[in-house]
């Protein structure tokens, strides 16, 4: 009971801090912008985690789907003149539709072949955005993407309003992820990750479940991309590039792949670390690369996995010490009786 209460108290504390954060930095728009951007990335990483962490399928096209969501909102608002909310909904649906089409083919492959195929698919998305100047603006990108339309009296022209809007979608994404992970669907994904052959023998339709997981994953990316477009208001083809793929992967692996809090910790850590290392932006991969390598070697489940392992270790030691204490006390008691 105490564990549940501690966990619940921790969640409430983090939520309260998130809600109060803009009040502490109301005069610093840059800090609010960086935090809002981090929230958007976290939404995308949660989608990546559902597929890679819980289903065991590493997609390297996630940045491409992020870009599809962003460009869908950009094109639909600037060229088609649609309302932002309708454009965002259509962006998620378009991303899911393209993900469904690519997933049908991609999921015929397994393991590293799947990763290679999705890497190629992601690069093709990048090339399409780069070359299709009439629609995407090519290398110039899209400029002047509007902010979200007002909902009644609520407007989103300020940094604080955008912060709370993205926070709402982040909390919604976390809620959906938790519901999936702790449901029968989540246990099915874990079974596929642990052994696809064994899952098939248990009667699980692995192809269908992997496809559904893939579509759910890209829907998170499409949502994050659409929010990114409205926040930045300018997008270019680089958001679909391999650097973005590596960045997303780094956030997930360092935080903890296959964990619920890993995407938050990994993204927050590196987003703010990049801000403190702005003078080394050109060489940031020389710094982040070794960190990622060491974590992959020594802590494959990232920071959260390492903390969980340490907890398990100390719990085991505590149980062993309590058992030894009980045994020693019993032997002492027996000796005293004999005397």
C-alpha atoms as a PDB file:
ATOM      1  CA  UNK A   1       0.000   0.000   0.000  1.00  0.00           C
ATOM      2  CA  UNK A   2       2.826   2.397   0.884  1.00  0.00           C
ATOM      3  CA  UNK A   3       4.481   1.738  -2.493  1.00  0.00           C
ATOM      4  CA  UNK A   4       1.285   2.663  -4.311  1.00  0.00           C
ATOM      5  CA  UNK A   5       0.918   5.824  -2.240  1.00  0.00           C
ATOM      6  CA  UNK A   6       4.554   6.809  -2.829  1.00  0.00           C
ATOM      7  CA  UNK A   7       4.161   6.262  -6.561  1.00  0.00           C
ATOM      8  CA  UNK A   8       0.933   8.231  -6.644  1.00  0.00           C
ATOM      9  CA  UNK A   9       2.458  11.047  -4.589  1.00  0.00           C
ATOM     10  CA  UNK A  10       5.404  11.184  -6.970  1.00  0.00           C
ATOM     11  CA  UNK A  11       3.107  11.484  -9.991  1.00  0.00           C
ATOM     12  CA  UNK A  12       1.055  14.221  -8.291  1.00  0.00           C
ATOM     13  CA  UNK A  13       4.228  16.128  -7.351  1.00  0.00           C
ATOM     14  CA  UNK A  14       5.570  16.015 -10.928  1.00  0.00           C
ATOM     15  CA  UNK A  15       2.185  17.100 -12.292  1.00  0.00           C
ATOM     16  CA  UNK A  16       2.003  20.045  -9.894  1.00  0.00           C
ATOM     17  CA  UNK A  17       5.547  21.116 -10.807  1.00  0.00           C
ATOM     18  CA  UNK A  18       4.645  20.919 -14.505  1.00  0.00           C
ATOM     19  CA  UNK A  19       1.586  23.090 -13.958  1.00  0.00           C
ATOM     20  CA  UNK A  20       3.493  25.652 -11.876  1.00  0.00           C
ATOM     21  CA  UNK A  21       6.590  25.774 -14.097  1.00  0.00           C
ATOM     22  CA  UNK A  22       5.318  28.584 -16.411  1.00  0.00           C
ATOM     23  CA  UNK A  23       4.499  30.752 -13.413  1.00  0.00           C
ATOM     24  CA  UNK A  24       8.123  30.585 -12.262  1.00  0.00           C
ATOM     25  CA  UNK A  25       9.472  31.431 -15.738  1.00  0.00           C
ATOM     26  CA  UNK A  26       6.702  33.668 -17.070  1.00  0.00           C
ATOM     27  CA  UNK A  27       9.252  36.345 -18.039  1.00  0.00           C
ATOM     28  CA  UNK A  28      11.613  33.913 -19.771  1.00  0.00           C
ATOM     29  CA  UNK A  29      10.006  32.913 -23.066  1.00  0.00           C
ATOM     30  CA  UNK A  30      13.073  30.993 -24.191  1.00  0.00           C
ATOM     31  CA  UNK A  31      12.942  28.590 -21.240  1.00  0.00           C
ATOM     32  CA  UNK A  32       9.225  28.012 -21.858  1.00  0.00           C
ATOM     33  CA  UNK A  33       9.924  27.387 -25.535  1.00  0.00           C
ATOM     34  CA  UNK A  34      12.623  24.798 -24.775  1.00  0.00           C
ATOM     35  CA  UNK A  35      10.411  23.024 -22.250  1.00  0.00           C
ATOM     36  CA  UNK A  36       7.489  22.980 -24.707  1.00  0.00           C
ATOM     37  CA  UNK A  37       9.785  21.607 -27.397  1.00  0.00           C
ATOM     38  CA  UNK A  38      10.966  18.892 -25.001  1.00  0.00           C
ATOM     39  CA  UNK A  39       7.336  17.919 -24.325  1.00  0.00           C
ATOM     40  CA  UNK A  40       6.733  17.551 -28.073  1.00  0.00           C
ATOM     41  CA  UNK A  41       9.773  15.310 -28.430  1.00  0.00           C
ATOM     42  CA  UNK A  42       8.606  13.213 -25.468  1.00  0.00           C
ATOM     43  CA  UNK A  43       5.293  12.552 -27.230  1.00  0.00           C
ATOM     44  CA  UNK A  44       7.205  11.292 -30.270  1.00  0.00           C
ATOM     45  CA  UNK A  45       9.512   9.145 -28.107  1.00  0.00           C
ATOM     46  CA  UNK A  46       6.538   7.518 -26.372  1.00  0.00           C
ATOM     47  CA  UNK A  47       5.347   6.380 -29.781  1.00  0.00           C
ATOM     48  CA  UNK A  48       8.791   5.011 -30.581  1.00  0.00           C
ATOM     49  CA  UNK A  49       8.869   3.239 -27.225  1.00  0.00           C
ATOM     50  CA  UNK A  50       5.576   1.424 -27.831  1.00  0.00           C
ATOM     51  CA  UNK A  51       7.007  -0.177 -30.962  1.00  0.00           C
ATOM     52  CA  UNK A  52      10.656  -0.659 -29.979  1.00  0.00           C
ATOM     53  CA  UNK A  53      10.402  -1.056 -26.212  1.00  0.00           C
ATOM     54  CA  UNK A  54       7.273  -3.153 -25.871  1.00  0.00           C
ATOM     55  CA  UNK A  55       6.875  -4.895 -29.248  1.00  0.00           C
ATOM     56  CA  UNK A  56      10.572  -5.294 -30.014  1.00  0.00           C
ATOM     57  CA  UNK A  57      10.496  -3.688 -33.476  1.00  0.00           C
ATOM     58  CA  UNK A  58      13.049  -0.892 -33.947  1.00  0.00           C
ATOM     59  CA  UNK A  59      11.778   1.604 -36.518  1.00  0.00           C
ATOM     60  CA  UNK A  60      14.313   4.053 -37.935  1.00  0.00           C
ATOM     61  CA  UNK A  61      11.628   5.902 -39.916  1.00  0.00           C
ATOM     62  CA  UNK A  62      10.157   7.594 -36.839  1.00  0.00           C
ATOM     63  CA  UNK A  63      11.616  10.990 -37.752  1.00  0.00           C
ATOM     64  CA  UNK A  64      10.089  10.604 -41.207  1.00  0.00           C
ATOM     65  CA  UNK A  65       6.613  10.147 -39.721  1.00  0.00           C
ATOM     66  CA  UNK A  66       7.285  13.072 -37.382  1.00  0.00           C
ATOM     67  CA  UNK A  67       8.000  15.127 -40.502  1.00  0.00           C
ATOM     68  CA  UNK A  68       4.843  13.851 -42.226  1.00  0.00           C
ATOM     69  CA  UNK A  69       2.767  15.122 -39.308  1.00  0.00           C
ATOM     70  CA  UNK A  70       4.553  18.470 -39.325  1.00  0.00           C
ATOM     71  CA  UNK A  71       4.301  18.984 -43.090  1.00  0.00           C
ATOM     72  CA  UNK A  72       0.673  17.846 -43.159  1.00  0.00           C
ATOM     73  CA  UNK A  73      -0.250  20.590 -40.681  1.00  0.00           C
ATOM     74  CA  UNK A  74       1.959  23.085 -42.532  1.00  0.00           C
ATOM     75  CA  UNK A  75       0.535  22.384 -45.984  1.00  0.00           C
ATOM     76  CA  UNK A  76      -3.085  22.102 -44.854  1.00  0.00           C
ATOM     77  CA  UNK A  77      -2.977  25.405 -42.934  1.00  0.00           C
ATOM     78  CA  UNK A  78      -0.804  27.552 -45.220  1.00  0.00           C
ATOM     79  CA  UNK A  79      -1.890  26.260 -48.642  1.00  0.00           C
ATOM     80  CA  UNK A  80      -5.328  24.722 -48.086  1.00  0.00           C
ATOM     81  CA  UNK A  81      -6.377  27.306 -45.488  1.00  0.00           C
ATOM     82  CA  UNK A  82      -7.789  24.769 -43.057  1.00  0.00           C
ATOM     83  CA  UNK A  83      -8.410  25.345 -39.369  1.00  0.00           C
ATOM     84  CA  UNK A  84      -5.444  24.178 -37.251  1.00  0.00           C
ATOM     85  CA  UNK A  85      -7.452  21.645 -35.256  1.00  0.00           C
ATOM     86  CA  UNK A  86      -8.860  20.024 -38.384  1.00  0.00           C
ATOM     87  CA  UNK A  87      -5.379  20.081 -39.932  1.00  0.00           C
ATOM     88  CA  UNK A  88      -3.911  18.418 -36.820  1.00  0.00           C
ATOM     89  CA  UNK A  89      -6.552  15.679 -36.886  1.00  0.00           C
ATOM     90  CA  UNK A  90      -5.976  15.089 -40.600  1.00  0.00           C
ATOM     91  CA  UNK A  91      -2.212  15.099 -40.033  1.00  0.00           C
ATOM     92  CA  UNK A  92      -2.513  12.258 -37.509  1.00  0.00           C
ATOM     93  CA  UNK A  93      -4.839  10.319 -39.856  1.00  0.00           C
ATOM     94  CA  UNK A  94      -2.516  10.870 -42.839  1.00  0.00           C
ATOM     95  CA  UNK A  95       0.472   9.713 -40.797  1.00  0.00           C
ATOM     96  CA  UNK A  96      -1.423   6.624 -39.661  1.00  0.00           C
ATOM     97  CA  UNK A  97      -2.509   5.859 -43.241  1.00  0.00           C
ATOM     98  CA  UNK A  98       1.040   6.081 -44.594  1.00  0.00           C
ATOM     99  CA  UNK A  99       2.288   4.108 -41.592  1.00  0.00           C
ATOM    100  CA  UNK A 100      -0.297   1.397 -42.275  1.00  0.00           C
ATOM    101  CA  UNK A 101       0.783   1.148 -45.929  1.00  0.00           C
ATOM    102  CA  UNK A 102       4.492   1.007 -45.100  1.00  0.00           C
ATOM    103  CA  UNK A 103       3.919  -1.276 -42.117  1.00  0.00           C
ATOM    104  CA  UNK A 104       2.228  -3.959 -44.192  1.00  0.00           C
ATOM    105  CA  UNK A 105       5.444  -4.297 -46.208  1.00  0.00           C
ATOM    106  CA  UNK A 106       7.967  -3.539 -43.456  1.00  0.00           C
ATOM    107  CA  UNK A 107       6.570  -6.062 -40.987  1.00  0.00           C
ATOM    108  CA  UNK A 108       7.187  -8.905 -43.411  1.00  0.00           C
ATOM    109  CA  UNK A 109      10.816  -8.502 -42.333  1.00  0.00           C
ATOM    110  CA  UNK A 110      12.274  -9.146 -38.882  1.00  0.00           C
ATOM    111  CA  UNK A 111      14.945  -7.794 -36.541  1.00  0.00           C
ATOM    112  CA  UNK A 112      17.769  -5.919 -38.290  1.00  0.00           C
ATOM    113  CA  UNK A 113      16.109  -6.323 -41.709  1.00  0.00           C
ATOM    114  CA  UNK A 114      13.102  -4.416 -40.349  1.00  0.00           C
ATOM    115  CA  UNK A 115      15.389  -1.671 -39.024  1.00  0.00           C
ATOM    116  CA  UNK A 116      17.180  -1.406 -42.381  1.00  0.00           C
ATOM    117  CA  UNK A 117      13.901  -1.266 -44.305  1.00  0.00           C
ATOM    118  CA  UNK A 118      12.491   1.485 -42.078  1.00  0.00           C
ATOM    119  CA  UNK A 119      15.771   3.412 -42.347  1.00  0.00           C
ATOM    120  CA  UNK A 120      15.418   3.335 -46.134  1.00  0.00           C
ATOM    121  CA  UNK A 121      11.743   4.310 -45.899  1.00  0.00           C
ATOM    122  CA  UNK A 122      12.631   7.234 -43.626  1.00  0.00           C
ATOM    123  CA  UNK A 123      15.296   8.422 -46.061  1.00  0.00           C
ATOM    124  CA  UNK A 124      12.822   8.213 -48.951  1.00  0.00           C
ATOM    125  CA  UNK A 125      10.419  10.407 -46.951  1.00  0.00           C
ATOM    126  CA  UNK A 126      13.274  12.884 -46.484  1.00  0.00           C
ATOM    127  CA  UNK A 127      14.042  12.883 -50.227  1.00  0.00           C
ATOM    128  CA  UNK A 128      10.375  13.354 -51.095  1.00  0.00           C
ATOM    129  CA  UNK A 129      10.137  16.374 -48.810  1.00  0.00           C
ATOM    130  CA  UNK A 130      13.440  17.750 -50.114  1.00  0.00           C
ATOM    131  CA  UNK A 131      12.602  17.362 -53.810  1.00  0.00           C
ATOM    132  CA  UNK A 132       8.875  18.140 -53.930  1.00  0.00           C
ATOM    133  CA  UNK A 133       9.257  21.918 -53.927  1.00  0.00           C
ATOM    134  CA  UNK A 134       5.762  22.618 -55.201  1.00  0.00           C
ATOM    135  CA  UNK A 135       4.176  21.072 -52.117  1.00  0.00           C
ATOM    136  CA  UNK A 136       6.777  21.153 -49.348  1.00  0.00           C
ATOM    137  CA  UNK A 137       8.888  24.120 -50.408  1.00  0.00           C
ATOM    138  CA  UNK A 138      11.921  21.874 -50.829  1.00  0.00           C
ATOM    139  CA  UNK A 139      15.072  23.072 -49.140  1.00  0.00           C
ATOM    140  CA  UNK A 140      13.379  26.397 -48.286  1.00  0.00           C
ATOM    141  CA  UNK A 141      10.745  24.629 -46.219  1.00  0.00           C
ATOM    142  CA  UNK A 142       7.402  26.046 -45.132  1.00  0.00           C
ATOM    143  CA  UNK A 143       7.184  29.473 -43.495  1.00  0.00           C
ATOM    144  CA  UNK A 144       4.355  31.188 -41.644  1.00  0.00           C
ATOM    145  CA  UNK A 145       2.572  28.173 -40.186  1.00  0.00           C
ATOM    146  CA  UNK A 146      -0.195  29.630 -37.997  1.00  0.00           C
ATOM    147  CA  UNK A 147      -0.610  29.102 -34.287  1.00  0.00           C
ATOM    148  CA  UNK A 148      -3.571  26.992 -33.099  1.00  0.00           C
ATOM    149  CA  UNK A 149      -6.953  28.657 -33.488  1.00  0.00           C
ATOM    150  CA  UNK A 150      -8.604  29.919 -30.334  1.00  0.00           C
ATOM    151  CA  UNK A 151     -11.032  27.657 -28.489  1.00  0.00           C
ATOM    152  CA  UNK A 152     -13.721  30.032 -27.255  1.00  0.00           C
ATOM    153  CA  UNK A 153     -12.002  32.577 -25.002  1.00  0.00           C
ATOM    154  CA  UNK A 154      -8.786  30.534 -24.856  1.00  0.00           C
ATOM    155  CA  UNK A 155      -6.104  31.814 -27.238  1.00  0.00           C
ATOM    156  CA  UNK A 156      -2.688  30.293 -27.935  1.00  0.00           C
ATOM    157  CA  UNK A 157      -0.707  33.367 -28.936  1.00  0.00           C
ATOM    158  CA  UNK A 158       1.446  33.359 -25.794  1.00  0.00           C
ATOM    159  CA  UNK A 159       4.272  31.028 -24.794  1.00  0.00           C
ATOM    160  CA  UNK A 160       2.428  30.004 -21.625  1.00  0.00           C
ATOM    161  CA  UNK A 161      -0.693  29.027 -23.574  1.00  0.00           C
ATOM    162  CA  UNK A 162       1.350  26.899 -25.986  1.00  0.00           C
ATOM    163  CA  UNK A 163       3.115  25.289 -23.036  1.00  0.00           C
ATOM    164  CA  UNK A 164      -0.160  24.210 -21.442  1.00  0.00           C
ATOM    165  CA  UNK A 165      -1.565  23.038 -24.778  1.00  0.00           C
ATOM    166  CA  UNK A 166       1.406  20.766 -25.439  1.00  0.00           C
ATOM    167  CA  UNK A 167       1.399  19.632 -21.792  1.00  0.00           C
ATOM    168  CA  UNK A 168      -2.229  18.549 -22.241  1.00  0.00           C
ATOM    169  CA  UNK A 169      -1.342  16.421 -25.273  1.00  0.00           C
ATOM    170  CA  UNK A 170       1.681  15.012 -23.433  1.00  0.00           C
ATOM    171  CA  UNK A 171      -0.455  13.941 -20.463  1.00  0.00           C
ATOM    172  CA  UNK A 172      -2.964  12.428 -22.895  1.00  0.00           C
ATOM    173  CA  UNK A 173      -0.146  10.518 -24.631  1.00  0.00           C
ATOM    174  CA  UNK A 174       1.192   9.216 -21.303  1.00  0.00           C
ATOM    175  CA  UNK A 175      -2.317   8.158 -20.242  1.00  0.00           C
ATOM    176  CA  UNK A 176      -2.866   6.258 -23.508  1.00  0.00           C
ATOM    177  CA  UNK A 177       0.571   4.618 -23.230  1.00  0.00           C
ATOM    178  CA  UNK A 178      -0.031   3.491 -19.640  1.00  0.00           C
ATOM    179  CA  UNK A 179      -3.419   2.071 -20.589  1.00  0.00           C
ATOM    180  CA  UNK A 180      -1.896   0.154 -23.490  1.00  0.00           C
ATOM    181  CA  UNK A 181       1.056  -1.184 -21.496  1.00  0.00           C
ATOM    182  CA  UNK A 182      -1.091  -2.424 -18.594  1.00  0.00           C
ATOM    183  CA  UNK A 183      -3.765  -3.949 -20.827  1.00  0.00           C
ATOM    184  CA  UNK A 184      -4.027  -7.330 -22.538  1.00  0.00           C
ATOM    185  CA  UNK A 185      -2.726  -5.614 -25.675  1.00  0.00           C
ATOM    186  CA  UNK A 186       0.426  -4.539 -23.846  1.00  0.00           C
ATOM    187  CA  UNK A 187       1.022  -8.053 -22.532  1.00  0.00           C
ATOM    188  CA  UNK A 188       0.559  -9.339 -26.078  1.00  0.00           C
ATOM    189  CA  UNK A 189       3.216  -6.908 -27.314  1.00  0.00           C
ATOM    190  CA  UNK A 190       5.580  -8.082 -24.557  1.00  0.00           C
ATOM    191  CA  UNK A 191       5.007 -11.694 -25.577  1.00  0.00           C
ATOM    192  CA  UNK A 192       5.902 -10.834 -29.184  1.00  0.00           C
ATOM    193  CA  UNK A 193       9.019  -8.983 -28.028  1.00  0.00           C
ATOM    194  CA  UNK A 194      10.201 -11.844 -25.837  1.00  0.00           C
ATOM    195  CA  UNK A 195       9.589 -14.603 -28.401  1.00  0.00           C
ATOM    196  CA  UNK A 196       7.556 -14.165 -31.550  1.00  0.00           C
ATOM    197  CA  UNK A 197       7.594 -17.916 -32.260  1.00  0.00           C
ATOM    198  CA  UNK A 198       6.268 -18.723 -28.783  1.00  0.00           C
ATOM    199  CA  UNK A 199       3.596 -16.041 -29.150  1.00  0.00           C
ATOM    200  CA  UNK A 200       2.452 -17.650 -32.405  1.00  0.00           C
ATOM    201  CA  UNK A 201       2.173 -21.046 -30.728  1.00  0.00           C
ATOM    202  CA  UNK A 202      -0.078 -19.432 -28.102  1.00  0.00           C
ATOM    203  CA  UNK A 203      -2.445 -18.350 -30.867  1.00  0.00           C
ATOM    204  CA  UNK A 204      -1.404 -14.686 -31.050  1.00  0.00           C
ATOM    205  CA  UNK A 205      -1.707 -13.083 -34.473  1.00  0.00           C
ATOM    206  CA  UNK A 206       1.758 -11.528 -34.416  1.00  0.00           C
ATOM    207  CA  UNK A 207       1.521  -9.830 -37.818  1.00  0.00           C
ATOM    208  CA  UNK A 208      -1.716  -8.036 -36.940  1.00  0.00           C
ATOM    209  CA  UNK A 209      -0.510  -6.991 -33.490  1.00  0.00           C
ATOM    210  CA  UNK A 210       2.814  -5.694 -34.844  1.00  0.00           C
ATOM    211  CA  UNK A 211       0.954  -3.721 -37.503  1.00  0.00           C
ATOM    212  CA  UNK A 212      -1.391  -2.178 -34.921  1.00  0.00           C
ATOM    213  CA  UNK A 213       1.602  -1.326 -32.719  1.00  0.00           C
ATOM    214  CA  UNK A 214       3.346   0.267 -35.714  1.00  0.00           C
ATOM    215  CA  UNK A 215       0.289   2.399 -36.568  1.00  0.00           C
ATOM    216  CA  UNK A 216      -0.116   3.506 -32.931  1.00  0.00           C
ATOM    217  CA  UNK A 217       3.576   4.398 -32.855  1.00  0.00           C
ATOM    218  CA  UNK A 218       3.430   6.592 -35.966  1.00  0.00           C
ATOM    219  CA  UNK A 219       0.232   8.290 -34.725  1.00  0.00           C
ATOM    220  CA  UNK A 220       2.232   9.621 -31.754  1.00  0.00           C
ATOM    221  CA  UNK A 221       4.901  10.836 -34.185  1.00  0.00           C
ATOM    222  CA  UNK A 222       2.288  12.524 -36.391  1.00  0.00           C
ATOM    223  CA  UNK A 223       0.719  14.282 -33.400  1.00  0.00           C
ATOM    224  CA  UNK A 224       4.122  15.463 -32.162  1.00  0.00           C
ATOM    225  CA  UNK A 225       5.049  16.663 -35.652  1.00  0.00           C
ATOM    226  CA  UNK A 226       1.836  18.666 -35.987  1.00  0.00           C
ATOM    227  CA  UNK A 227       2.408  20.360 -32.621  1.00  0.00           C
ATOM    228  CA  UNK A 228       6.029  21.021 -33.587  1.00  0.00           C
ATOM    229  CA  UNK A 229       4.944  22.817 -36.755  1.00  0.00           C
ATOM    230  CA  UNK A 230       2.582  25.110 -34.832  1.00  0.00           C
ATOM    231  CA  UNK A 231       5.222  25.867 -32.203  1.00  0.00           C
ATOM    232  CA  UNK A 232       8.204  26.550 -34.474  1.00  0.00           C
ATOM    233  CA  UNK A 233       6.091  27.921 -37.373  1.00  0.00           C
ATOM    234  CA  UNK A 234       8.858  27.064 -39.813  1.00  0.00           C
ATOM    235  CA  UNK A 235       9.819  23.562 -40.890  1.00  0.00           C
ATOM    236  CA  UNK A 236      12.496  22.219 -43.226  1.00  0.00           C
ATOM    237  CA  UNK A 237      13.402  18.767 -44.557  1.00  0.00           C
ATOM    238  CA  UNK A 238      16.085  18.278 -41.883  1.00  0.00           C
ATOM    239  CA  UNK A 239      13.417  17.183 -39.381  1.00  0.00           C
ATOM    240  CA  UNK A 240      13.138  13.947 -41.402  1.00  0.00           C
ATOM    241  CA  UNK A 241      16.911  13.450 -41.640  1.00  0.00           C
ATOM    242  CA  UNK A 242      19.103  10.765 -40.121  1.00  0.00           C
ATOM    243  CA  UNK A 243      20.333  13.179 -37.435  1.00  0.00           C
ATOM    244  CA  UNK A 244      16.788  13.455 -36.122  1.00  0.00           C
ATOM    245  CA  UNK A 245      16.470   9.650 -36.171  1.00  0.00           C
ATOM    246  CA  UNK A 246      19.653   9.316 -34.113  1.00  0.00           C
ATOM    247  CA  UNK A 247      18.458  12.021 -31.714  1.00  0.00           C
ATOM    248  CA  UNK A 248      15.146  10.246 -31.066  1.00  0.00           C
ATOM    249  CA  UNK A 249      16.933   6.932 -30.615  1.00  0.00           C
ATOM    250  CA  UNK A 250      19.404   8.502 -28.213  1.00  0.00           C
ATOM    251  CA  UNK A 251      16.623   9.998 -26.084  1.00  0.00           C
ATOM    252  CA  UNK A 252      14.889   6.618 -25.845  1.00  0.00           C
ATOM    253  CA  UNK A 253      17.933   4.431 -25.169  1.00  0.00           C
ATOM    254  CA  UNK A 254      19.506   6.731 -22.586  1.00  0.00           C
ATOM    255  CA  UNK A 255      16.221   7.245 -20.745  1.00  0.00           C
ATOM    256  CA  UNK A 256      15.256   3.594 -20.763  1.00  0.00           C
ATOM    257  CA  UNK A 257      13.766   1.584 -23.604  1.00  0.00           C
ATOM    258  CA  UNK A 258      10.733  -0.427 -22.562  1.00  0.00           C
ATOM    259  CA  UNK A 259      10.032   1.749 -19.499  1.00  0.00           C
ATOM    260  CA  UNK A 260       7.243   4.248 -18.862  1.00  0.00           C
ATOM    261  CA  UNK A 261       9.403   7.079 -17.506  1.00  0.00           C
ATOM    262  CA  UNK A 262      12.411   6.530 -19.780  1.00  0.00           C
ATOM    263  CA  UNK A 263      11.195   8.821 -22.608  1.00  0.00           C
ATOM    264  CA  UNK A 264      10.722  11.698 -20.152  1.00  0.00           C
ATOM    265  CA  UNK A 265      14.091  11.325 -18.416  1.00  0.00           C
ATOM    266  CA  UNK A 266      16.128  10.747 -21.577  1.00  0.00           C
ATOM    267  CA  UNK A 267      14.537  13.607 -23.509  1.00  0.00           C
ATOM    268  CA  UNK A 268      14.713  16.117 -20.668  1.00  0.00           C
ATOM    269  CA  UNK A 269      18.315  15.213 -19.904  1.00  0.00           C
ATOM    270  CA  UNK A 270      19.600  15.718 -23.432  1.00  0.00           C
ATOM    271  CA  UNK A 271      17.395  18.660 -24.429  1.00  0.00           C
ATOM    272  CA  UNK A 272      18.684  20.688 -21.491  1.00  0.00           C
ATOM    273  CA  UNK A 273      22.216  19.326 -21.815  1.00  0.00           C
ATOM    274  CA  UNK A 274      22.253  20.616 -25.387  1.00  0.00           C
ATOM    275  CA  UNK A 275      21.330  24.063 -24.111  1.00  0.00           C
ATOM    276  CA  UNK A 276      24.338  24.100 -21.779  1.00  0.00           C
ATOM    277  CA  UNK A 277      26.595  22.842 -24.582  1.00  0.00           C
ATOM    278  CA  UNK A 278      25.484  25.284 -27.272  1.00  0.00           C
ATOM    279  CA  UNK A 279      29.065  26.355 -27.951  1.00  0.00           C
ATOM    280  CA  UNK A 280      29.815  22.716 -28.882  1.00  0.00           C
ATOM    281  CA  UNK A 281      26.816  22.194 -31.172  1.00  0.00           C
ATOM    282  CA  UNK A 282      28.985  21.170 -34.133  1.00  0.00           C
ATOM    283  CA  UNK A 283      30.758  18.564 -32.013  1.00  0.00           C
ATOM    284  CA  UNK A 284      27.874  17.483 -29.789  1.00  0.00           C
ATOM    285  CA  UNK A 285      27.857  13.965 -31.248  1.00  0.00           C
ATOM    286  CA  UNK A 286      31.460  13.568 -30.075  1.00  0.00           C
ATOM    287  CA  UNK A 287      30.118  14.128 -26.564  1.00  0.00           C
ATOM    288  CA  UNK A 288      26.821  12.261 -26.812  1.00  0.00           C
ATOM    289  CA  UNK A 289      28.211   9.342 -28.835  1.00  0.00           C
ATOM    290  CA  UNK A 290      30.470   7.929 -26.094  1.00  0.00           C
ATOM    291  CA  UNK A 291      27.722   8.466 -23.483  1.00  0.00           C
ATOM    292  CA  UNK A 292      25.287   6.477 -25.608  1.00  0.00           C
ATOM    293  CA  UNK A 293      27.869   3.735 -26.218  1.00  0.00           C
ATOM    294  CA  UNK A 294      28.646   3.326 -22.512  1.00  0.00           C
ATOM    295  CA  UNK A 295      24.968   3.183 -21.591  1.00  0.00           C
ATOM    296  CA  UNK A 296      24.239   0.577 -24.274  1.00  0.00           C
ATOM    297  CA  UNK A 297      27.138  -1.578 -23.031  1.00  0.00           C
ATOM    298  CA  UNK A 298      26.629  -1.321 -19.262  1.00  0.00           C
ATOM    299  CA  UNK A 299      22.942  -0.348 -18.923  1.00  0.00           C
ATOM    300  CA  UNK A 300      20.960  -1.623 -21.945  1.00  0.00           C
ATOM    301  CA  UNK A 301      17.684  -0.451 -20.352  1.00  0.00           C
ATOM    302  CA  UNK A 302      18.986   3.080 -19.812  1.00  0.00           C
ATOM    303  CA  UNK A 303      18.899   5.256 -16.723  1.00  0.00           C
ATOM    304  CA  UNK A 304      15.503   4.010 -15.550  1.00  0.00           C
ATOM    305  CA  UNK A 305      16.553   0.389 -16.065  1.00  0.00           C
ATOM    306  CA  UNK A 306      19.738   1.007 -14.076  1.00  0.00           C
ATOM    307  CA  UNK A 307      17.738   2.516 -11.198  1.00  0.00           C
ATOM    308  CA  UNK A 308      15.367  -0.474 -11.247  1.00  0.00           C
ATOM    309  CA  UNK A 309      18.330  -2.883 -11.211  1.00  0.00           C
ATOM    310  CA  UNK A 310      19.895  -1.080  -8.245  1.00  0.00           C
ATOM    311  CA  UNK A 311      16.586  -1.184  -6.394  1.00  0.00           C
ATOM    312  CA  UNK A 312      16.324  -4.918  -7.012  1.00  0.00           C
ATOM    313  CA  UNK A 313      19.911  -5.422  -5.858  1.00  0.00           C
ATOM    314  CA  UNK A 314      19.413  -3.532  -2.577  1.00  0.00           C
ATOM    315  CA  UNK A 315      16.101  -5.298  -1.937  1.00  0.00           C
ATOM    316  CA  UNK A 316      17.798  -8.670  -2.412  1.00  0.00           C
ATOM    317  CA  UNK A 317      20.627  -7.672  -0.071  1.00  0.00           C
ATOM    318  CA  UNK A 318      18.116  -6.457   2.498  1.00  0.00           C
ATOM    319  CA  UNK A 319      16.183  -9.739   2.340  1.00  0.00           C
ATOM    320  CA  UNK A 320      19.385 -11.761   2.619  1.00  0.00           C
ATOM    321  CA  UNK A 321      20.583  -9.731   5.599  1.00  0.00           C
ATOM    322  CA  UNK A 322      17.194 -10.081   7.315  1.00  0.00           C
ATOM    323  CA  UNK A 323      17.229 -13.841   6.695  1.00  0.00           C
ATOM    324  CA  UNK A 324      20.766 -14.177   8.050  1.00  0.00           C
ATOM    325  CA  UNK A 325      19.785 -12.098  11.086  1.00  0.00           C
ATOM    326  CA  UNK A 326      16.765 -14.344  11.688  1.00  0.00           C
ATOM    327  CA  UNK A 327      18.892 -17.467  11.299  1.00  0.00           C
ATOM    328  CA  UNK A 328      21.564 -16.153  13.681  1.00  0.00           C
ATOM    329  CA  UNK A 329      18.966 -15.170  16.278  1.00  0.00           C
ATOM    330  CA  UNK A 330      17.327 -18.590  16.041  1.00  0.00           C
ATOM    331  CA  UNK A 331      20.668 -20.382  16.458  1.00  0.00           C
ATOM    332  CA  UNK A 332      21.551 -18.176  19.421  1.00  0.00           C
ATOM    333  CA  UNK A 333      18.171 -18.946  20.964  1.00  0.00           C
ATOM    334  CA  UNK A 334      18.718 -22.690  20.474  1.00  0.00           C
ATOM    335  CA  UNK A 335      22.141 -22.509  22.131  1.00  0.00           C
ATOM    336  CA  UNK A 336      20.746 -20.617  25.096  1.00  0.00           C
ATOM    337  CA  UNK A 337      18.073 -23.286  25.524  1.00  0.00           C
ATOM    338  CA  UNK A 338      20.669 -26.031  25.406  1.00  0.00           C
ATOM    339  CA  UNK A 339      22.681 -24.282  28.095  1.00  0.00           C
END
